[in-house]
Amino acid sequence: MSRPGSDGQGVDGPGFDWPVLMRAGMVGLGLTPDRFWGLTPAELWLMLGQGGGELPMNRAGLEALQAAYPDQDKGDGDETAGRI
């Protein structure tokens, strides 16, 4: 991770704008400094409402899973057959 400058650019390229992130975490979210510094950037991003996670699976994704892992034929559908 590069060290951020006053413009959010790190010495080696883009970095984190720490003053803005600290203000958002400690003032906006009410985090204590130890809680703020204990978070990963991904956790902070999610808490700030910026990371909604992955999109739900679509039809193409389901079909790809079905092709990769087809259902096994279980006979007549009576799963209790042969059990006492």
Foldseek 3Di string as FASTA:
>chain_A
DFCQDCVQAGPVGHHGNVVVLCCCVCVVVVDDVVRSVPDDPVVSCVVSVNDPDDDDDDPVNVVVVCVVPPDDDPDPPPPCPPPD
